[in-house]
Structures are given as C-alpha cells and as structure tokens.
Amino acid sequence: MMKKILLLVFSISFLNSCSSDNDFLITKDNALISCGGKSRIIENKNEEIINTEVRDLIDEIGKYVEFIVAETDKKGGKYRTINCFPSEEPQDSIIKTVKTNYKFNN
C-alpha cells in the first residue's frame, strides 16, 4: 500500500514538473481575460476594442495579443494599439500601449 501511495505522489510531482508555459494556450476568445480584463485595456467609457489578434513573438517561442482600441468624437478621434504579453496570472501580464491620433476626412 505504501509503495502505491509513493508511486502516486511521484507521478503527480513528475507531471507537475513537466508542465510548462507552452501549455498556456492564448486564443482570441480568452485573450482579454488572459491580459487582466477590459479595465487594463480600456482607459475611459468612450473607448471600445475594435480588433483583437493573437500574434507570434519574433523568436516564435511565445505569443502576444494585439488590441486596437478606438475613441471617437465630432472633431476626430484616436486609436491605440495595445500589446499584451499574457501570463498565467492575468494581473502579471505586461501591457504596452502605442498611441496614434488620426482625423476624420471632411
């Protein structure tokens, strides 16, 4: 009986040590949750996420999420590109924002 318990404990420990970040699958559907939620992406109530894409890192070892957020008003608007480098713990995800302004054609 003791051998079976030790074998079970060893097997569970081995399986846990074999898991890696590659097991953490990022998809378009879970991207927002993986990046810590809408509150980490949206800055104010006039913004909305208009595009979400999961992209490969340059070294192809991992992935990141690119969000396009837009805010418009009568004079024009702005959009932001936000890159999120997700973590298994969403609050630990890294968020990088690039702001770009644009004007409507009149």
N, C-alpha and C. Protein backbone atom coordinates (compact mmCIF):
# COMPACT_ATOMS: atom_id res chain seq x y z
N MET A 1 0.83 -1.20 0.00
CA MET A 1 0.00 0.00 0.00
C MET A 1 0.87 1.26 0.00
N MET A 2 1.91 1.25 0.80
CA MET A 2 2.80 2.41 0.88
C MET A 2 3.49 2.66 -0.45
N LYS A 3 3.87 1.58 -1.16
CA LYS A 3 4.52 1.72 -2.46
C LYS A 3 3.57 2.40 -3.46
N LYS A 4 2.29 2.07 -3.41
CA LYS A 4 1.31 2.66 -4.33
C LYS A 4 1.14 4.15 -4.04
N ILE A 5 1.12 4.51 -2.78
CA ILE A 5 0.99 5.92 -2.41
C ILE A 5 2.23 6.69 -2.87
N LEU A 6 3.42 6.14 -2.63
CA LEU A 6 4.64 6.80 -3.08
C LEU A 6 4.69 6.93 -4.60
N LEU A 7 4.26 5.89 -5.29
CA LEU A 7 4.22 5.93 -6.75
C LEU A 7 3.25 7.02 -7.24
N LEU A 8 2.11 7.13 -6.59
CA LEU A 8 1.12 8.15 -6.95
C LEU A 8 1.67 9.55 -6.72
N VAL A 9 2.28 9.78 -5.56
CA VAL A 9 2.87 11.08 -5.24
C VAL A 9 3.98 11.41 -6.24
N PHE A 10 4.84 10.45 -6.54
CA PHE A 10 5.92 10.67 -7.50
C PHE A 10 5.35 10.99 -8.89
N SER A 11 4.33 10.29 -9.31
CA SER A 11 3.72 10.53 -10.63
C SER A 11 3.13 11.92 -10.73
N ILE A 12 2.43 12.35 -9.70
CA ILE A 12 1.83 13.69 -9.71
C ILE A 12 2.93 14.75 -9.72
N SER A 13 3.97 14.56 -8.93
CA SER A 13 5.08 15.51 -8.90
C SER A 13 5.77 15.58 -10.27
N PHE A 14 5.95 14.45 -10.90
CA PHE A 14 6.60 14.42 -12.21
C PHE A 14 5.74 15.14 -13.25
N LEU A 15 4.46 14.90 -13.26
CA LEU A 15 3.57 15.56 -14.22
C LEU A 15 3.55 17.07 -14.01
N ASN A 16 3.54 17.52 -12.77
CA ASN A 16 3.56 18.95 -12.49
C ASN A 16 4.88 19.58 -12.95
N SER A 17 5.98 18.88 -12.80
CA SER A 17 7.27 19.44 -13.21
C SER A 17 7.40 19.48 -14.73
N CYS A 18 6.66 18.66 -15.44
CA CYS A 18 6.73 18.63 -16.90
C CYS A 18 5.88 19.72 -17.53
N SER A 19 4.93 20.28 -16.81
CA SER A 19 4.10 21.32 -17.41
C SER A 19 4.95 22.56 -17.61
N SER A 20 4.64 23.29 -18.68
CA SER A 20 5.42 24.49 -19.00
C SER A 20 4.49 25.58 -19.47
N ASP A 21 5.07 26.74 -19.77
CA ASP A 21 4.29 27.86 -20.29
C ASP A 21 3.67 27.53 -21.63
N ASN A 22 4.21 26.55 -22.35
CA ASN A 22 3.65 26.17 -23.64
C ASN A 22 2.26 25.57 -23.49
N ASP A 23 1.94 25.08 -22.27
CA ASP A 23 0.62 24.52 -22.02
C ASP A 23 -0.43 25.62 -21.88
N PHE A 24 0.01 26.86 -21.73
CA PHE A 24 -0.87 28.02 -21.55
C PHE A 24 -1.25 28.52 -22.93
N LEU A 25 -2.43 28.17 -23.39
CA LEU A 25 -2.87 28.47 -24.75
C LEU A 25 -3.62 29.80 -24.79
N ILE A 26 -3.14 30.72 -25.61
CA ILE A 26 -3.78 32.01 -25.80
C ILE A 26 -4.57 31.96 -27.10
N THR A 27 -5.84 32.30 -27.03
CA THR A 27 -6.69 32.37 -28.20
C THR A 27 -7.36 33.73 -28.24
N LYS A 28 -7.97 34.04 -29.36
CA LYS A 28 -8.70 35.30 -29.49
C LYS A 28 -9.84 35.38 -28.47
N ASP A 29 -10.43 34.22 -28.16
CA ASP A 29 -11.56 34.17 -27.22
C ASP A 29 -11.15 34.42 -25.77
N ASN A 30 -9.97 33.96 -25.36
CA ASN A 30 -9.57 34.14 -23.97
C ASN A 30 -8.52 35.24 -23.78
N ALA A 31 -8.21 35.97 -24.85
CA ALA A 31 -7.15 36.99 -24.80
C ALA A 31 -7.43 38.08 -23.78
N LEU A 32 -8.64 38.59 -23.74
CA LEU A 32 -8.97 39.68 -22.83
C LEU A 32 -8.83 39.24 -21.37
N ILE A 33 -9.30 38.06 -21.06
CA ILE A 33 -9.18 37.52 -19.70
C ILE A 33 -7.72 37.29 -19.35
N SER A 34 -6.95 36.74 -20.28
CA SER A 34 -5.53 36.46 -20.04
C SER A 34 -4.71 37.71 -19.81
N CYS A 35 -5.20 38.84 -20.31
CA CYS A 35 -4.47 40.11 -20.16
C CYS A 35 -4.96 40.92 -18.97
N GLY A 36 -5.83 40.36 -18.17
CA GLY A 36 -6.25 41.04 -16.95
C GLY A 36 -7.59 41.74 -17.04
N GLY A 37 -8.30 41.56 -18.14
CA GLY A 37 -9.64 42.13 -18.26
C GLY A 37 -9.68 43.48 -18.96
N LYS A 38 -10.88 43.88 -19.27
CA LYS A 38 -11.13 45.12 -20.01
C LYS A 38 -10.57 46.35 -19.30
N SER A 39 -10.61 46.35 -17.98
CA SER A 39 -10.17 47.52 -17.22
C SER A 39 -8.68 47.81 -17.41
N ARG A 40 -7.89 46.83 -17.80
CA ARG A 40 -6.46 47.06 -18.06
C ARG A 40 -6.22 47.56 -19.47
N ILE A 41 -7.22 47.43 -20.35
CA ILE A 41 -7.06 47.81 -21.75
C ILE A 41 -7.76 49.14 -22.04
N ILE A 42 -9.00 49.28 -21.59
CA ILE A 42 -9.82 50.46 -21.85
C ILE A 42 -9.48 51.56 -20.84
N GLU A 43 -9.23 52.79 -21.32
CA GLU A 43 -8.90 53.90 -20.42
C GLU A 43 -10.12 54.70 -19.99
N ASN A 44 -11.17 54.78 -20.84
CA ASN A 44 -12.37 55.53 -20.45
C ASN A 44 -13.60 54.94 -21.11
N LYS A 45 -14.77 55.44 -20.71
CA LYS A 45 -16.04 54.84 -21.15
C LYS A 45 -16.34 55.09 -22.63
N ASN A 46 -15.61 56.01 -23.28
CA ASN A 46 -15.84 56.30 -24.69
C ASN A 46 -15.03 55.42 -25.64
N GLU A 47 -14.20 54.56 -25.07
CA GLU A 47 -13.37 53.68 -25.89
C GLU A 47 -14.03 52.31 -26.06
N GLU A 48 -13.66 51.68 -27.17
CA GLU A 48 -14.09 50.31 -27.38
C GLU A 48 -13.01 49.54 -28.13
N ILE A 49 -12.92 48.26 -27.86
CA ILE A 49 -11.96 47.41 -28.55
C ILE A 49 -12.56 47.07 -29.90
N ILE A 50 -11.85 47.42 -30.98
CA ILE A 50 -12.39 47.16 -32.32
C ILE A 50 -11.71 45.98 -33.00
N ASN A 51 -10.56 45.53 -32.47
CA ASN A 51 -9.89 44.38 -33.07
C ASN A 51 -9.00 43.71 -32.03
N THR A 52 -8.95 42.40 -32.08
CA THR A 52 -8.09 41.60 -31.21
C THR A 52 -7.42 40.54 -32.06
N GLU A 53 -6.09 40.46 -31.97
CA GLU A 53 -5.35 39.44 -32.71
C GLU A 53 -4.28 38.82 -31.83
N VAL A 54 -4.12 37.51 -31.94
CA VAL A 54 -3.04 36.80 -31.25
C VAL A 54 -1.91 36.65 -32.25
N ARG A 55 -0.72 37.10 -31.87
CA ARG A 55 0.44 37.09 -32.77
C ARG A 55 1.60 36.33 -32.15
N ASP A 56 2.47 35.81 -33.01
CA ASP A 56 3.68 35.13 -32.55
C ASP A 56 4.76 36.14 -32.25
N LEU A 57 5.53 35.88 -31.19
CA LEU A 57 6.71 36.69 -30.91
C LEU A 57 7.74 36.44 -32.01
N ILE A 58 8.69 37.33 -32.17
CA ILE A 58 9.69 37.22 -33.22
C ILE A 58 10.44 35.89 -33.14
N ASP A 59 10.77 35.46 -31.93
CA ASP A 59 11.51 34.21 -31.77
C ASP A 59 10.61 32.98 -31.84
N GLU A 60 9.31 33.18 -32.01
CA GLU A 60 8.29 32.13 -32.13
C GLU A 60 8.22 31.21 -30.92
N ILE A 61 8.77 31.67 -29.79
CA ILE A 61 8.71 30.86 -28.57
C ILE A 61 7.39 31.10 -27.85
N GLY A 62 6.81 32.26 -28.02
CA GLY A 62 5.58 32.59 -27.33
C GLY A 62 4.65 33.42 -28.20
N LYS A 63 3.62 33.93 -27.57
CA LYS A 63 2.63 34.73 -28.27
C LYS A 63 2.34 36.00 -27.48
N TYR A 64 1.79 36.98 -28.17
CA TYR A 64 1.29 38.17 -27.52
C TYR A 64 -0.03 38.53 -28.17
N VAL A 65 -0.78 39.39 -27.52
CA VAL A 65 -2.09 39.80 -28.02
C VAL A 65 -2.02 41.27 -28.39
N GLU A 66 -2.56 41.60 -29.57
CA GLU A 66 -2.62 42.98 -30.01
C GLU A 66 -4.08 43.42 -30.01
N PHE A 67 -4.38 44.47 -29.24
CA PHE A 67 -5.71 45.06 -29.19
C PHE A 67 -5.67 46.40 -29.91
N ILE A 68 -6.69 46.69 -30.71
CA ILE A 68 -6.87 48.03 -31.27
C ILE A 68 -8.08 48.62 -30.57
N VAL A 69 -7.86 49.77 -29.92
CA VAL A 69 -8.91 50.45 -29.17
C VAL A 69 -9.16 51.79 -29.83
N ALA A 70 -10.44 52.15 -30.05
CA ALA A 70 -10.78 53.41 -30.70
C ALA A 70 -11.68 54.24 -29.81
N GLU A 71 -11.47 55.56 -29.91
CA GLU A 71 -12.32 56.53 -29.24
C GLU A 71 -12.60 57.62 -30.27
N THR A 72 -13.88 57.94 -30.47
CA THR A 72 -14.21 58.95 -31.48
C THR A 72 -15.05 60.05 -30.86
N ASP A 73 -14.98 61.22 -31.47
CA ASP A 73 -15.84 62.34 -31.13
C ASP A 73 -16.13 63.12 -32.41
N LYS A 74 -16.81 64.27 -32.33
CA LYS A 74 -17.20 65.02 -33.52
C LYS A 74 -16.00 65.61 -34.27
N LYS A 75 -14.91 65.91 -33.60
CA LYS A 75 -13.75 66.54 -34.22
C LYS A 75 -12.80 65.53 -34.84
N GLY A 76 -12.89 64.33 -34.50
CA GLY A 76 -11.97 63.31 -34.98
C GLY A 76 -11.95 62.16 -34.02
N GLY A 77 -10.82 61.62 -33.80
CA GLY A 77 -10.75 60.51 -32.87
C GLY A 77 -9.32 60.06 -32.69
N LYS A 78 -9.16 59.03 -31.90
CA LYS A 78 -7.83 58.47 -31.73
C LYS A 78 -7.97 56.96 -31.62
N TYR A 79 -6.90 56.30 -31.95
CA TYR A 79 -6.88 54.87 -31.71
C TYR A 79 -5.56 54.52 -31.06
N ARG A 80 -5.60 53.44 -30.33
CA ARG A 80 -4.41 52.97 -29.63
C ARG A 80 -4.18 51.53 -29.99
N THR A 81 -2.94 51.18 -30.17
CA THR A 81 -2.56 49.79 -30.32
C THR A 81 -1.95 49.37 -28.99
N ILE A 82 -2.50 48.31 -28.43
CA ILE A 82 -2.05 47.83 -27.13
C ILE A 82 -1.52 46.41 -27.30
N ASN A 83 -0.28 46.20 -26.91
CA ASN A 83 0.29 44.86 -26.93
C ASN A 83 0.28 44.31 -25.52
N CYS A 84 -0.21 43.10 -25.38
CA CYS A 84 -0.26 42.43 -24.09
C CYS A 84 0.56 41.15 -24.18
N PHE A 85 1.44 40.98 -23.22
CA PHE A 85 2.22 39.77 -23.12
C PHE A 85 1.64 38.99 -21.94
N PRO A 86 0.72 38.04 -22.24
CA PRO A 86 -0.05 37.38 -21.20
C PRO A 86 0.78 36.49 -20.28
N SER A 87 0.25 36.33 -19.10
CA SER A 87 0.82 35.46 -18.09
C SER A 87 -0.28 34.54 -17.60
N GLU A 88 0.12 33.42 -17.03
CA GLU A 88 -0.90 32.53 -16.47
C GLU A 88 -1.67 33.22 -15.36
N GLU A 89 -1.04 34.17 -14.70
CA GLU A 89 -1.72 35.01 -13.72
C GLU A 89 -2.03 36.33 -14.42
N PRO A 90 -3.29 36.60 -14.79
CA PRO A 90 -3.64 37.77 -15.59
C PRO A 90 -3.12 39.10 -15.05
N GLN A 91 -3.07 39.27 -13.73
CA GLN A 91 -2.59 40.53 -13.17
C GLN A 91 -1.09 40.71 -13.40
N ASP A 92 -0.38 39.66 -13.77
CA ASP A 92 1.05 39.73 -14.05
C ASP A 92 1.34 39.98 -15.53
N SER A 93 0.32 40.05 -16.36
CA SER A 93 0.51 40.31 -17.79
C SER A 93 1.11 41.69 -18.00
N ILE A 94 1.95 41.80 -19.01
CA ILE A 94 2.59 43.07 -19.32
C ILE A 94 1.80 43.75 -20.43
N ILE A 95 1.44 45.02 -20.21
CA ILE A 95 0.66 45.80 -21.16
C ILE A 95 1.53 46.94 -21.69
N LYS A 96 1.64 47.06 -23.02
CA LYS A 96 2.42 48.13 -23.64
C LYS A 96 1.50 48.86 -24.62
N THR A 97 1.39 50.18 -24.50
CA THR A 97 0.49 50.96 -25.34
C THR A 97 1.25 51.88 -26.27
N VAL A 98 0.81 51.93 -27.55
CA VAL A 98 1.32 52.87 -28.54
C VAL A 98 0.14 53.71 -28.97
N LYS A 99 0.22 55.02 -28.77
CA LYS A 99 -0.90 55.90 -29.11
C LYS A 99 -0.67 56.53 -30.48
N THR A 100 -1.73 56.57 -31.27
CA THR A 100 -1.70 57.22 -32.58
C THR A 100 -2.97 58.03 -32.76
N ASN A 101 -2.85 59.29 -33.12
CA ASN A 101 -4.02 60.11 -33.37
C ASN A 101 -4.34 60.15 -34.85
N TYR A 102 -5.59 60.35 -35.19
CA TYR A 102 -6.00 60.49 -36.58
C TYR A 102 -7.18 61.44 -36.66
N LYS A 103 -7.46 61.95 -37.85
CA LYS A 103 -8.59 62.84 -38.06
C LYS A 103 -9.52 62.24 -39.10
N PHE A 104 -10.81 62.53 -38.97
CA PHE A 104 -11.77 62.11 -39.98
C PHE A 104 -11.60 62.96 -41.22
N ASN A 105 -11.88 62.37 -42.38
CA ASN A 105 -11.89 63.15 -43.62
C ASN A 105 -13.19 63.92 -43.71
N ASN A 106 -13.14 65.22 -43.92
CA ASN A 106 -14.36 66.05 -44.04
C ASN A 106 -14.68 66.33 -45.48
